[in-house]
């Protein structure tokens, strides 16, 4: 999720690729999370607080993140994540964030890949729990280079370098719905894609979603 409620557990999914797009499953990974009160928590593979998937070395379809951990959020505010991976290629760092709010109009969670094997299509699953009434489109954004599988109830339009996916939704407070779409990314590696932010009326996710594309076979 991009937005959590106080005291929820945040699941953090990560992947590490080398300069050619190969999976790196023995990186020294460090995740530093700084919360809204400026308190820092450090999670690492060395201390076992970041786990490595048994499927990390699979050059093919896996829906399990190569590296993953959980973090219990505290008070309201923005949480900054600093992810560092030390590999044979050197040290690489990426910054990201998530938000904690006391209440949300829509509680949105995604289930999808962190790392993709480009020749194969993948599915992004989105669950929406409504805390407010809403009647209108639910909007998702993906790169224009993605091929989206046609499905009933889904409209796809291309605007510049973005594909806009739209579903009509009628939500009442207390409703819970599931949406999904299948996407096929270009056979390019290494590559890095951004999805979202999902929008429901004036509400939107607090961050985009990152997907890494691993090695394309010769």
N, C-alpha and C. Protein backbone atom coordinates (compact mmCIF):
# COMPACT_ATOMS: atom_id res chain seq x y z
N UNK A 1 0.84 -1.19 0.00
CA UNK A 1 0.00 0.00 0.00
C UNK A 1 0.88 1.24 0.00
N UNK A 2 0.34 2.33 -0.48
CA UNK A 2 1.06 3.60 -0.44
C UNK A 2 0.64 4.43 0.77
N UNK A 3 -0.55 4.12 1.31
CA UNK A 3 -1.07 4.83 2.48
C UNK A 3 -1.51 3.80 3.51
N UNK A 4 -0.99 3.96 4.73
CA UNK A 4 -1.32 3.05 5.82
C UNK A 4 -2.05 3.79 6.92
N UNK A 5 -2.69 3.03 7.79
CA UNK A 5 -3.26 3.56 9.02
C UNK A 5 -2.29 3.30 10.16
N UNK A 6 -2.32 4.09 11.23
CA UNK A 6 -1.39 3.90 12.35
C UNK A 6 -1.39 2.46 12.85
N UNK A 7 -0.17 1.97 13.13
CA UNK A 7 0.06 0.64 13.72
C UNK A 7 -0.15 -0.52 12.75
N UNK A 8 -0.37 -0.24 11.47
CA UNK A 8 -0.43 -1.32 10.48
C UNK A 8 0.99 -1.79 10.16
N UNK A 9 1.08 -3.00 9.61
CA UNK A 9 2.36 -3.53 9.14
C UNK A 9 2.52 -3.24 7.65
N UNK A 10 3.60 -2.57 7.30
CA UNK A 10 3.92 -2.30 5.90
C UNK A 10 4.78 -3.44 5.37
N UNK A 11 4.37 -4.01 4.25
CA UNK A 11 5.16 -5.04 3.57
C UNK A 11 5.98 -4.36 2.49
N UNK A 12 7.29 -4.54 2.54
CA UNK A 12 8.20 -3.87 1.61
C UNK A 12 8.84 -4.93 0.71
N UNK A 13 8.64 -4.80 -0.60
CA UNK A 13 9.16 -5.75 -1.58
C UNK A 13 10.26 -5.08 -2.39
N UNK A 14 11.37 -5.78 -2.59
CA UNK A 14 12.55 -5.19 -3.23
C UNK A 14 13.16 -6.17 -4.23
N UNK A 15 13.93 -5.62 -5.19
CA UNK A 15 14.68 -6.43 -6.13
C UNK A 15 16.00 -5.74 -6.42
N UNK A 16 17.02 -6.54 -6.74
CA UNK A 16 18.33 -6.00 -7.08
C UNK A 16 18.79 -6.66 -8.38
N UNK A 17 19.13 -5.83 -9.38
CA UNK A 17 19.67 -6.32 -10.64
C UNK A 17 21.06 -5.75 -10.85
N UNK A 18 21.91 -6.49 -11.59
CA UNK A 18 23.22 -5.93 -11.93
C UNK A 18 23.09 -5.08 -13.20
N UNK A 19 24.21 -4.58 -13.71
CA UNK A 19 24.16 -3.65 -14.83
C UNK A 19 23.68 -4.30 -16.13
N UNK A 20 23.68 -5.65 -16.19
CA UNK A 20 23.20 -6.35 -17.38
C UNK A 20 21.76 -6.84 -17.21
N UNK A 21 21.19 -6.68 -16.02
CA UNK A 21 19.83 -7.11 -15.78
C UNK A 21 19.70 -8.45 -15.09
N UNK A 22 20.84 -9.07 -14.70
CA UNK A 22 20.79 -10.33 -13.95
C UNK A 22 20.31 -10.06 -12.52
N UNK A 23 19.57 -11.02 -11.97
CA UNK A 23 19.19 -10.92 -10.57
C UNK A 23 20.44 -11.06 -9.70
N UNK A 24 20.49 -10.29 -8.64
CA UNK A 24 21.57 -10.38 -7.66
C UNK A 24 20.93 -10.84 -6.35
N UNK A 25 21.27 -12.05 -5.94
CA UNK A 25 20.61 -12.64 -4.78
C UNK A 25 21.51 -12.72 -3.56
N UNK A 26 22.70 -12.15 -3.66
CA UNK A 26 23.61 -12.15 -2.51
C UNK A 26 24.06 -10.74 -2.16
N UNK A 27 23.23 -9.75 -2.51
CA UNK A 27 23.58 -8.37 -2.20
C UNK A 27 23.44 -8.12 -0.70
N UNK A 28 24.27 -7.19 -0.20
CA UNK A 28 24.07 -6.70 1.15
C UNK A 28 23.06 -5.54 1.06
N UNK A 29 21.85 -5.82 1.48
CA UNK A 29 20.75 -4.87 1.32
C UNK A 29 20.44 -4.23 2.67
N UNK A 30 20.34 -2.91 2.65
CA UNK A 30 20.00 -2.16 3.86
C UNK A 30 18.83 -1.23 3.56
N UNK A 31 17.80 -1.32 4.38
CA UNK A 31 16.64 -0.44 4.26
C UNK A 31 16.55 0.40 5.52
N UNK A 32 16.67 1.71 5.35
CA UNK A 32 16.53 2.65 6.46
C UNK A 32 15.22 3.39 6.32
N UNK A 33 14.37 3.29 7.34
CA UNK A 33 13.07 3.95 7.33
C UNK A 33 13.08 5.05 8.39
N UNK A 34 12.80 6.27 7.96
CA UNK A 34 12.73 7.42 8.87
C UNK A 34 11.27 7.84 8.98
N UNK A 35 10.73 7.77 10.21
CA UNK A 35 9.31 8.04 10.37
C UNK A 35 9.04 9.52 10.56
N UNK A 36 7.78 9.86 10.82
CA UNK A 36 7.37 11.26 10.87
C UNK A 36 7.94 12.01 12.07
N UNK A 37 8.42 11.28 13.07
CA UNK A 37 9.05 11.93 14.23
C UNK A 37 10.57 11.93 14.12
N UNK A 38 11.07 11.56 12.92
CA UNK A 38 12.51 11.54 12.61
C UNK A 38 13.24 10.40 13.32
N UNK A 39 12.50 9.37 13.73
CA UNK A 39 13.12 8.17 14.29
C UNK A 39 13.48 7.23 13.15
N UNK A 40 14.70 6.70 13.19
CA UNK A 40 15.20 5.86 12.10
C UNK A 40 15.27 4.40 12.53
N UNK A 41 14.79 3.53 11.65
CA UNK A 41 14.88 2.08 11.83
C UNK A 41 15.68 1.51 10.68
N UNK A 42 16.67 0.67 10.98
CA UNK A 42 17.52 0.08 9.95
C UNK A 42 17.30 -1.43 9.90
N UNK A 43 16.94 -1.91 8.71
CA UNK A 43 16.72 -3.33 8.47
C UNK A 43 17.73 -3.80 7.43
N UNK A 44 18.35 -4.97 7.63
CA UNK A 44 19.39 -5.44 6.72
C UNK A 44 19.26 -6.93 6.46
N UNK A 45 19.88 -7.37 5.35
CA UNK A 45 20.00 -8.81 5.10
C UNK A 45 20.98 -9.42 6.08
N UNK A 46 21.97 -8.66 6.51
CA UNK A 46 22.99 -9.18 7.43
C UNK A 46 22.39 -9.60 8.75
N UNK A 47 21.47 -8.77 9.28
CA UNK A 47 20.88 -9.13 10.57
C UNK A 47 19.62 -9.98 10.42
N UNK A 48 19.29 -10.37 9.17
CA UNK A 48 18.17 -11.27 8.94
C UNK A 48 16.81 -10.62 8.94
N UNK A 49 16.76 -9.30 9.07
CA UNK A 49 15.46 -8.62 9.09
C UNK A 49 14.92 -8.37 7.69
N UNK A 50 15.78 -8.49 6.67
CA UNK A 50 15.35 -8.53 5.28
C UNK A 50 15.58 -9.95 4.78
N UNK A 51 14.51 -10.60 4.32
CA UNK A 51 14.59 -11.99 3.86
C UNK A 51 14.85 -12.03 2.36
N UNK A 52 15.44 -13.14 1.91
CA UNK A 52 15.71 -13.37 0.50
C UNK A 52 14.85 -14.55 0.03
N UNK A 53 14.11 -14.36 -1.04
CA UNK A 53 13.21 -15.39 -1.54
C UNK A 53 13.97 -16.58 -2.09
N UNK A 54 13.42 -17.77 -1.91
CA UNK A 54 14.01 -18.97 -2.51
C UNK A 54 13.92 -18.93 -4.04
N UNK A 55 13.04 -18.06 -4.58
CA UNK A 55 12.87 -17.96 -6.03
C UNK A 55 13.67 -16.81 -6.64
N UNK A 56 14.54 -16.20 -5.86
CA UNK A 56 15.30 -15.05 -6.36
C UNK A 56 16.11 -15.41 -7.60
N UNK A 57 16.67 -16.62 -7.64
CA UNK A 57 17.53 -17.00 -8.76
C UNK A 57 16.77 -17.52 -9.96
N UNK A 58 15.45 -17.50 -9.90
CA UNK A 58 14.64 -17.99 -11.01
C UNK A 58 14.59 -16.95 -12.12
N UNK A 59 15.20 -17.26 -13.28
CA UNK A 59 15.10 -16.39 -14.45
C UNK A 59 13.84 -16.80 -15.20
N UNK A 60 12.74 -16.24 -14.78
CA UNK A 60 11.44 -16.62 -15.31
C UNK A 60 10.37 -16.02 -14.43
N UNK A 61 9.19 -16.59 -14.49
CA UNK A 61 8.05 -16.01 -13.78
C UNK A 61 8.14 -16.31 -12.29
N UNK A 62 8.10 -15.29 -11.49
CA UNK A 62 7.93 -15.41 -10.05
C UNK A 62 7.16 -14.20 -9.56
N UNK A 63 6.18 -14.44 -8.72
CA UNK A 63 5.43 -13.35 -8.13
C UNK A 63 5.88 -13.03 -6.72
N UNK A 64 6.95 -13.72 -6.29
CA UNK A 64 7.52 -13.44 -4.98
C UNK A 64 8.60 -12.37 -5.12
N UNK A 65 8.64 -11.39 -4.25
CA UNK A 65 9.74 -10.41 -4.30
C UNK A 65 11.06 -11.08 -3.93
N UNK A 66 12.15 -10.64 -4.58
CA UNK A 66 13.45 -11.24 -4.30
C UNK A 66 13.89 -10.96 -2.86
N UNK A 67 13.64 -9.75 -2.40
CA UNK A 67 13.96 -9.34 -1.03
C UNK A 67 12.68 -8.76 -0.43
N UNK A 68 12.44 -9.03 0.84
CA UNK A 68 11.22 -8.50 1.45
C UNK A 68 11.38 -8.38 2.96
N UNK A 69 10.57 -7.49 3.53
CA UNK A 69 10.57 -7.29 4.98
C UNK A 69 9.24 -6.67 5.37
N UNK A 70 9.00 -6.59 6.67
CA UNK A 70 7.83 -5.88 7.18
C UNK A 70 8.29 -4.81 8.17
N UNK A 71 7.51 -3.77 8.26
CA UNK A 71 7.82 -2.64 9.13
C UNK A 71 6.52 -2.15 9.73
N UNK A 72 6.45 -2.06 11.04
CA UNK A 72 5.24 -1.57 11.71
C UNK A 72 5.28 -0.05 11.77
N UNK A 73 4.27 0.57 11.16
CA UNK A 73 4.23 2.03 11.12
C UNK A 73 3.73 2.57 12.46
N UNK A 74 4.01 3.83 12.71
CA UNK A 74 3.61 4.46 13.96
C UNK A 74 2.61 5.58 13.69
N UNK A 75 3.06 6.83 13.91
CA UNK A 75 2.15 7.96 13.81
C UNK A 75 1.95 8.46 12.40
N UNK A 76 1.05 9.42 12.29
CA UNK A 76 0.68 10.02 11.02
C UNK A 76 1.84 10.82 10.43
N UNK A 77 1.99 10.75 9.11
CA UNK A 77 3.02 11.55 8.43
C UNK A 77 3.64 10.79 7.27
N UNK A 78 4.69 11.36 6.72
CA UNK A 78 5.41 10.74 5.60
C UNK A 78 6.62 9.98 6.13
N UNK A 79 6.80 8.77 5.65
CA UNK A 79 7.92 7.92 6.03
C UNK A 79 8.86 7.79 4.83
N UNK A 80 10.13 8.07 5.05
CA UNK A 80 11.12 8.04 3.97
C UNK A 80 11.90 6.73 4.03
N UNK A 81 11.98 6.05 2.88
CA UNK A 81 12.74 4.81 2.78
C UNK A 81 14.00 5.04 1.96
N UNK A 82 15.13 4.66 2.51
CA UNK A 82 16.42 4.73 1.83
C UNK A 82 16.92 3.30 1.67
N UNK A 83 16.92 2.81 0.44
CA UNK A 83 17.32 1.42 0.16
C UNK A 83 18.69 1.42 -0.50
N UNK A 84 19.61 0.67 0.08
CA UNK A 84 20.97 0.56 -0.44
C UNK A 84 21.31 -0.90 -0.68
N UNK A 85 21.90 -1.19 -1.84
CA UNK A 85 22.36 -2.53 -2.16
C UNK A 85 23.83 -2.48 -2.53
N UNK A 86 24.65 -3.26 -1.83
CA UNK A 86 26.08 -3.37 -2.12
C UNK A 86 26.31 -4.67 -2.88
N UNK A 87 26.81 -4.54 -4.14
CA UNK A 87 27.05 -5.70 -5.00
C UNK A 87 28.43 -5.57 -5.63
N UNK A 88 28.74 -6.55 -6.49
CA UNK A 88 30.02 -6.50 -7.21
C UNK A 88 30.09 -5.30 -8.14
N UNK A 89 28.95 -4.75 -8.54
CA UNK A 89 28.92 -3.56 -9.39
C UNK A 89 29.09 -2.27 -8.60
N UNK A 90 29.14 -2.38 -7.29
CA UNK A 90 29.27 -1.20 -6.45
C UNK A 90 28.06 -1.03 -5.55
N UNK A 91 27.87 0.17 -5.07
CA UNK A 91 26.78 0.48 -4.15
C UNK A 91 25.75 1.34 -4.87
N UNK A 92 24.52 0.93 -4.82
CA UNK A 92 23.43 1.68 -5.43
C UNK A 92 22.39 2.01 -4.36
N UNK A 93 21.81 3.20 -4.49
CA UNK A 93 20.83 3.67 -3.51
C UNK A 93 19.60 4.22 -4.22
N UNK A 94 18.43 3.99 -3.65
CA UNK A 94 17.19 4.54 -4.17
C UNK A 94 16.35 5.03 -2.99
N UNK A 95 15.67 6.15 -3.20
CA UNK A 95 14.81 6.72 -2.17
C UNK A 95 13.35 6.56 -2.57
N UNK A 96 12.51 6.31 -1.58
CA UNK A 96 11.07 6.25 -1.82
C UNK A 96 10.38 6.61 -0.51
N UNK A 97 9.05 6.57 -0.52
CA UNK A 97 8.32 6.94 0.69
C UNK A 97 6.94 6.33 0.69
N UNK A 98 6.30 6.33 1.84
CA UNK A 98 4.88 6.02 1.96
C UNK A 98 4.30 6.94 3.02
N UNK A 99 2.98 6.93 3.14
CA UNK A 99 2.28 7.87 4.01
C UNK A 99 1.44 7.12 5.03
N UNK A 100 1.34 7.68 6.21
CA UNK A 100 0.42 7.17 7.24
C UNK A 100 -0.60 8.27 7.54
N UNK A 101 -1.89 7.90 7.44
CA UNK A 101 -2.97 8.84 7.71
C UNK A 101 -3.90 8.26 8.78
N UNK A 102 -4.54 9.14 9.51
CA UNK A 102 -5.45 8.70 10.57
C UNK A 102 -6.71 8.06 10.00
N UNK A 103 -7.09 8.46 8.79
CA UNK A 103 -8.22 7.86 8.10
C UNK A 103 -8.04 8.06 6.60
N UNK A 104 -8.70 7.20 5.81
CA UNK A 104 -8.60 7.29 4.35
C UNK A 104 -9.99 7.10 3.75
N UNK A 105 -10.26 7.81 2.66
CA UNK A 105 -11.52 7.61 1.96
C UNK A 105 -11.56 6.25 1.28
N UNK A 106 -10.39 5.83 0.77
CA UNK A 106 -10.29 4.54 0.08
C UNK A 106 -9.00 3.87 0.51
N UNK A 107 -9.12 2.63 0.99
CA UNK A 107 -7.96 1.85 1.42
C UNK A 107 -7.58 0.94 0.26
N UNK A 108 -6.49 1.28 -0.43
CA UNK A 108 -6.11 0.60 -1.66
C UNK A 108 -4.84 -0.22 -1.45
N UNK A 109 -4.90 -1.48 -1.83
CA UNK A 109 -3.74 -2.37 -1.74
C UNK A 109 -3.50 -3.02 -3.10
N UNK A 110 -2.24 -3.20 -3.44
CA UNK A 110 -1.88 -3.86 -4.69
C UNK A 110 -1.18 -5.19 -4.41
N UNK A 111 -1.35 -6.13 -5.33
CA UNK A 111 -0.58 -7.37 -5.33
C UNK A 111 -0.09 -7.57 -6.76
N UNK A 112 1.21 -7.45 -6.95
CA UNK A 112 1.78 -7.56 -8.29
C UNK A 112 3.28 -7.78 -8.19
N UNK A 113 3.94 -7.92 -9.33
CA UNK A 113 5.37 -8.24 -9.33
C UNK A 113 6.24 -7.03 -8.97
N UNK A 114 7.37 -7.34 -8.34
CA UNK A 114 8.43 -6.35 -8.12
C UNK A 114 9.44 -6.40 -9.26
N UNK A 115 9.70 -7.63 -9.72
CA UNK A 115 10.62 -7.87 -10.83
C UNK A 115 9.89 -8.71 -11.87
N UNK A 116 10.00 -8.31 -13.15
CA UNK A 116 9.33 -9.06 -14.21
C UNK A 116 10.34 -9.69 -15.16
N UNK A 117 9.94 -10.83 -15.73
CA UNK A 117 10.64 -11.50 -16.81
C UNK A 117 9.95 -11.04 -18.10
N UNK A 118 10.59 -10.16 -18.89
CA UNK A 118 9.88 -9.41 -19.93
C UNK A 118 9.08 -10.20 -20.95
N UNK A 119 9.49 -11.42 -21.37
CA UNK A 119 8.69 -12.11 -22.40
C UNK A 119 7.31 -12.56 -21.93
N UNK A 120 7.03 -12.47 -20.63
CA UNK A 120 5.81 -13.05 -20.07
C UNK A 120 4.90 -11.94 -19.54
N UNK A 121 3.59 -12.04 -19.78
CA UNK A 121 2.66 -11.05 -19.21
C UNK A 121 2.46 -11.29 -17.72
N UNK A 122 2.13 -10.23 -17.01
CA UNK A 122 1.89 -10.29 -15.56
C UNK A 122 0.56 -9.63 -15.24
N UNK A 123 0.05 -9.94 -14.05
CA UNK A 123 -1.22 -9.38 -13.60
C UNK A 123 -0.99 -8.48 -12.39
N UNK A 124 -1.60 -7.30 -12.43
CA UNK A 124 -1.64 -6.41 -11.28
C UNK A 124 -3.04 -6.50 -10.67
N UNK A 125 -3.09 -6.87 -9.40
CA UNK A 125 -4.36 -6.97 -8.68
C UNK A 125 -4.49 -5.79 -7.72
N UNK A 126 -5.66 -5.17 -7.72
CA UNK A 126 -5.91 -3.99 -6.89
C UNK A 126 -7.17 -4.23 -6.07
N UNK A 127 -7.06 -4.06 -4.76
CA UNK A 127 -8.21 -4.19 -3.87
C UNK A 127 -8.54 -2.82 -3.29
N UNK A 128 -9.81 -2.45 -3.36
CA UNK A 128 -10.26 -1.15 -2.87
C UNK A 128 -11.32 -1.37 -1.80
N UNK A 129 -11.06 -0.88 -0.59
CA UNK A 129 -12.05 -0.87 0.48
C UNK A 129 -12.54 0.57 0.62
N UNK A 130 -13.84 0.78 0.41
CA UNK A 130 -14.39 2.13 0.39
C UNK A 130 -14.84 2.56 1.78
N UNK A 131 -14.35 3.71 2.21
CA UNK A 131 -14.81 4.34 3.44
C UNK A 131 -15.68 5.56 3.14
N UNK A 132 -15.90 5.80 1.85
CA UNK A 132 -16.76 6.90 1.39
C UNK A 132 -17.54 6.42 0.17
N UNK A 133 -18.66 7.07 -0.10
CA UNK A 133 -19.41 6.77 -1.31
C UNK A 133 -18.72 7.39 -2.52
N UNK A 134 -18.79 6.69 -3.66
CA UNK A 134 -18.17 7.22 -4.88
C UNK A 134 -18.84 6.59 -6.08
N UNK A 135 -19.09 7.40 -7.08
CA UNK A 135 -19.66 6.93 -8.34
C UNK A 135 -18.89 7.61 -9.47
N UNK A 136 -18.04 6.84 -10.15
CA UNK A 136 -17.23 7.42 -11.21
C UNK A 136 -16.09 6.50 -11.59
N UNK A 137 -15.12 7.02 -12.35
CA UNK A 137 -14.04 6.17 -12.83
C UNK A 137 -12.95 5.93 -11.78
N UNK A 138 -12.37 4.75 -11.84
CA UNK A 138 -11.12 4.43 -11.14
C UNK A 138 -10.03 4.42 -12.22
N UNK A 139 -8.99 5.21 -12.02
CA UNK A 139 -7.99 5.46 -13.07
C UNK A 139 -6.63 4.91 -12.64
N UNK A 140 -6.01 4.16 -13.54
CA UNK A 140 -4.65 3.65 -13.35
C UNK A 140 -3.79 4.13 -14.50
N UNK A 141 -2.48 4.31 -14.25
CA UNK A 141 -1.55 4.79 -15.27
C UNK A 141 -0.39 3.80 -15.40
N UNK A 142 -0.06 3.44 -16.65
CA UNK A 142 1.08 2.57 -16.92
C UNK A 142 1.84 3.15 -18.11
N UNK A 143 3.08 2.72 -18.34
CA UNK A 143 3.81 3.22 -19.52
C UNK A 143 3.08 2.89 -20.82
N UNK A 144 3.16 3.79 -21.79
CA UNK A 144 2.50 3.58 -23.08
C UNK A 144 3.05 2.36 -23.81
N UNK A 145 4.26 1.95 -23.47
CA UNK A 145 4.88 0.79 -24.12
C UNK A 145 4.29 -0.54 -23.64
N UNK A 146 3.53 -0.54 -22.56
CA UNK A 146 2.90 -1.77 -22.06
C UNK A 146 1.74 -2.16 -22.97
N UNK A 147 1.63 -3.44 -23.26
CA UNK A 147 0.46 -3.99 -23.94
C UNK A 147 -0.50 -4.48 -22.87
N UNK A 148 -1.72 -3.95 -22.90
CA UNK A 148 -2.73 -4.30 -21.91
C UNK A 148 -3.75 -5.26 -22.53
N UNK A 149 -3.96 -6.39 -21.88
CA UNK A 149 -4.93 -7.36 -22.37
C UNK A 149 -6.35 -6.80 -22.25
N UNK A 150 -7.11 -6.90 -23.32
CA UNK A 150 -8.48 -6.41 -23.30
C UNK A 150 -9.33 -7.23 -22.34
N UNK A 151 -10.22 -6.54 -21.62
CA UNK A 151 -11.15 -7.22 -20.73
C UNK A 151 -12.42 -6.40 -20.62
N UNK A 152 -13.51 -7.04 -20.32
CA UNK A 152 -14.79 -6.36 -20.19
C UNK A 152 -14.74 -5.39 -19.01
N UNK A 153 -15.24 -4.17 -19.27
CA UNK A 153 -15.31 -3.18 -18.21
C UNK A 153 -14.08 -2.31 -18.09
N UNK A 154 -13.02 -2.61 -18.85
CA UNK A 154 -11.78 -1.84 -18.80
C UNK A 154 -11.62 -1.04 -20.09
N UNK A 155 -11.40 0.27 -19.95
CA UNK A 155 -11.14 1.14 -21.09
C UNK A 155 -9.68 1.57 -21.05
N UNK A 156 -9.00 1.49 -22.18
CA UNK A 156 -7.58 1.85 -22.26
C UNK A 156 -7.40 2.91 -23.33
N UNK A 157 -6.79 4.02 -22.96
CA UNK A 157 -6.46 5.08 -23.91
C UNK A 157 -5.00 5.46 -23.72
N UNK A 158 -4.39 5.96 -24.79
CA UNK A 158 -2.99 6.37 -24.72
C UNK A 158 -2.90 7.89 -24.81
N UNK A 159 -2.20 8.47 -23.85
CA UNK A 159 -1.99 9.92 -23.82
C UNK A 159 -0.48 10.16 -23.69
N UNK A 160 0.14 10.62 -24.79
CA UNK A 160 1.59 10.84 -24.82
C UNK A 160 2.30 9.53 -24.47
N UNK A 161 3.09 9.51 -23.41
CA UNK A 161 3.87 8.32 -23.08
C UNK A 161 3.23 7.49 -21.97
N UNK A 162 1.91 7.65 -21.79
CA UNK A 162 1.19 6.95 -20.72
C UNK A 162 -0.06 6.28 -21.28
N UNK A 163 -0.33 5.05 -20.83
CA UNK A 163 -1.63 4.43 -21.07
C UNK A 163 -2.49 4.66 -19.84
N UNK A 164 -3.72 5.11 -20.10
CA UNK A 164 -4.67 5.38 -19.02
C UNK A 164 -5.71 4.27 -19.00
N UNK A 165 -5.80 3.56 -17.88
CA UNK A 165 -6.75 2.47 -17.70
C UNK A 165 -7.89 2.97 -16.82
N UNK A 166 -9.12 2.66 -17.22
CA UNK A 166 -10.26 3.21 -16.50
C UNK A 166 -11.36 2.16 -16.33
N UNK A 167 -11.87 2.05 -15.09
CA UNK A 167 -13.03 1.22 -14.77
C UNK A 167 -14.12 2.12 -14.20
N UNK A 168 -15.37 1.90 -14.52
CA UNK A 168 -16.48 2.60 -13.87
C UNK A 168 -16.79 1.88 -12.56
N UNK A 169 -16.92 2.64 -11.48
CA UNK A 169 -17.17 2.06 -10.18
C UNK A 169 -18.32 2.77 -9.48
N UNK A 170 -19.14 1.99 -8.79
CA UNK A 170 -20.18 2.52 -7.92
C UNK A 170 -19.92 1.97 -6.52
N UNK A 171 -19.36 2.80 -5.68
CA UNK A 171 -18.92 2.36 -4.36
C UNK A 171 -19.75 3.01 -3.27
N UNK A 172 -20.15 2.20 -2.32
CA UNK A 172 -20.78 2.70 -1.12
C UNK A 172 -19.87 2.43 0.07
N UNK A 173 -19.95 3.26 1.08
CA UNK A 173 -19.14 3.07 2.27
C UNK A 173 -19.32 1.64 2.79
N UNK A 174 -18.20 0.96 2.99
CA UNK A 174 -18.22 -0.43 3.43
C UNK A 174 -18.02 -1.43 2.32
N UNK A 175 -18.12 -0.98 1.06
CA UNK A 175 -17.90 -1.88 -0.07
C UNK A 175 -16.43 -2.24 -0.19
N UNK A 176 -16.20 -3.41 -0.76
CA UNK A 176 -14.83 -3.86 -1.06
C UNK A 176 -14.86 -4.50 -2.45
N UNK A 177 -14.04 -3.99 -3.35
CA UNK A 177 -14.01 -4.52 -4.72
C UNK A 177 -12.59 -4.88 -5.10
N UNK A 178 -12.48 -5.75 -6.10
CA UNK A 178 -11.18 -6.15 -6.64
C UNK A 178 -11.14 -5.84 -8.13
N UNK A 179 -10.07 -5.20 -8.57
CA UNK A 179 -9.83 -4.92 -9.97
C UNK A 179 -8.50 -5.55 -10.36
N UNK A 180 -8.32 -5.83 -11.64
CA UNK A 180 -7.04 -6.38 -12.09
C UNK A 180 -6.86 -6.07 -13.57
N UNK A 181 -5.61 -6.10 -13.99
CA UNK A 181 -5.31 -5.99 -15.42
C UNK A 181 -4.03 -6.76 -15.71
N UNK A 182 -3.97 -7.30 -16.93
CA UNK A 182 -2.78 -8.02 -17.37
C UNK A 182 -1.96 -7.12 -18.28
N UNK A 183 -0.67 -7.05 -18.02
CA UNK A 183 0.20 -6.21 -18.83
C UNK A 183 1.40 -7.00 -19.34
N UNK A 184 1.88 -6.61 -20.51
CA UNK A 184 3.08 -7.21 -21.11
C UNK A 184 4.05 -6.08 -21.41
N UNK A 185 5.16 -6.06 -20.70
CA UNK A 185 6.16 -5.01 -20.89
C UNK A 185 7.06 -5.33 -22.09
N UNK A 186 7.71 -4.32 -22.66
CA UNK A 186 8.63 -4.58 -23.79
C UNK A 186 9.75 -5.53 -23.38
N UNK A 187 10.27 -6.27 -24.34
CA UNK A 187 11.37 -7.20 -24.07
C UNK A 187 12.68 -6.43 -24.04
N UNK A 188 12.81 -5.61 -23.04
CA UNK A 188 13.99 -4.75 -22.85
C UNK A 188 14.52 -4.96 -21.43
N UNK A 189 15.83 -5.07 -21.30
CA UNK A 189 16.43 -5.24 -19.97
C UNK A 189 17.88 -4.77 -20.01
N UNK A 190 18.39 -4.24 -18.91
CA UNK A 190 17.61 -3.89 -17.72
C UNK A 190 16.75 -2.65 -17.99
N UNK A 191 15.62 -2.58 -17.32
CA UNK A 191 14.71 -1.46 -17.49
C UNK A 191 13.95 -1.25 -16.18
N UNK A 192 13.37 -0.08 -16.05
CA UNK A 192 12.74 0.32 -14.80
C UNK A 192 11.46 1.08 -15.15
N UNK A 193 10.33 0.65 -14.58
CA UNK A 193 9.04 1.23 -14.94
C UNK A 193 8.33 1.79 -13.71
N UNK A 194 7.51 2.81 -13.94
CA UNK A 194 6.68 3.40 -12.90
C UNK A 194 5.21 3.23 -13.27
N UNK A 195 4.40 2.79 -12.31
CA UNK A 195 2.97 2.64 -12.49
C UNK A 195 2.24 3.52 -11.47
N UNK A 196 1.01 3.95 -11.81
CA UNK A 196 0.22 4.78 -10.89
C UNK A 196 0.56 6.26 -11.03
N UNK A 197 0.02 7.14 -10.12
CA UNK A 197 -0.73 6.70 -8.95
C UNK A 197 -2.19 6.42 -9.31
N UNK A 198 -2.79 5.38 -8.72
CA UNK A 198 -4.19 5.09 -8.93
C UNK A 198 -5.03 6.24 -8.40
N UNK A 199 -6.08 6.62 -9.16
CA UNK A 199 -6.94 7.72 -8.75
C UNK A 199 -8.40 7.31 -8.65
N UNK A 200 -9.06 7.76 -7.59
CA UNK A 200 -10.50 7.54 -7.40
C UNK A 200 -11.10 8.90 -7.10
N UNK A 201 -11.65 9.56 -8.12
CA UNK A 201 -12.11 10.93 -7.95
C UNK A 201 -10.95 11.84 -7.60
N UNK A 202 -11.08 12.60 -6.51
CA UNK A 202 -10.00 13.50 -6.07
C UNK A 202 -8.96 12.79 -5.23
N UNK A 203 -9.24 11.54 -4.84
CA UNK A 203 -8.28 10.75 -4.04
C UNK A 203 -7.28 10.07 -4.96
N UNK A 204 -6.04 9.96 -4.52
CA UNK A 204 -5.06 9.18 -5.28
C UNK A 204 -4.03 8.57 -4.34
N UNK A 205 -3.34 7.55 -4.84
CA UNK A 205 -2.28 6.93 -4.07
C UNK A 205 -1.18 7.95 -3.76
N UNK A 206 -0.41 7.65 -2.73
CA UNK A 206 0.60 8.59 -2.26
C UNK A 206 1.94 8.43 -2.97
N UNK A 207 2.05 7.44 -3.82
CA UNK A 207 3.32 7.20 -4.51
C UNK A 207 3.06 6.38 -5.76
N UNK A 208 4.06 6.37 -6.65
CA UNK A 208 4.02 5.47 -7.79
C UNK A 208 4.65 4.13 -7.40
N UNK A 209 4.48 3.15 -8.28
CA UNK A 209 4.98 1.80 -8.03
C UNK A 209 6.09 1.47 -9.01
N UNK A 210 7.14 0.85 -8.51
CA UNK A 210 8.34 0.60 -9.30
C UNK A 210 8.45 -0.88 -9.66
N UNK A 211 8.76 -1.15 -10.92
CA UNK A 211 8.95 -2.51 -11.39
C UNK A 211 10.26 -2.58 -12.17
N UNK A 212 11.09 -3.56 -11.82
CA UNK A 212 12.35 -3.78 -12.52
C UNK A 212 12.17 -4.90 -13.53
N UNK A 213 12.82 -4.76 -14.69
CA UNK A 213 12.74 -5.76 -15.76
C UNK A 213 14.08 -6.49 -15.85
N UNK A 214 14.06 -7.83 -15.68
CA UNK A 214 15.33 -8.55 -15.64
C UNK A 214 15.75 -9.04 -17.02
N UNK A 215 16.74 -9.89 -17.06
CA UNK A 215 17.46 -10.23 -18.29
C UNK A 215 16.55 -10.84 -19.35
N UNK A 216 16.66 -10.31 -20.57
CA UNK A 216 15.97 -10.91 -21.72
C UNK A 216 16.88 -11.94 -22.36
N UNK A 217 16.42 -13.19 -22.54
CA UNK A 217 17.30 -14.21 -23.13
C UNK A 217 17.67 -13.86 -24.56
N UNK A 218 18.90 -14.20 -24.93
CA UNK A 218 19.39 -13.91 -26.27
C UNK A 218 18.72 -14.82 -27.30
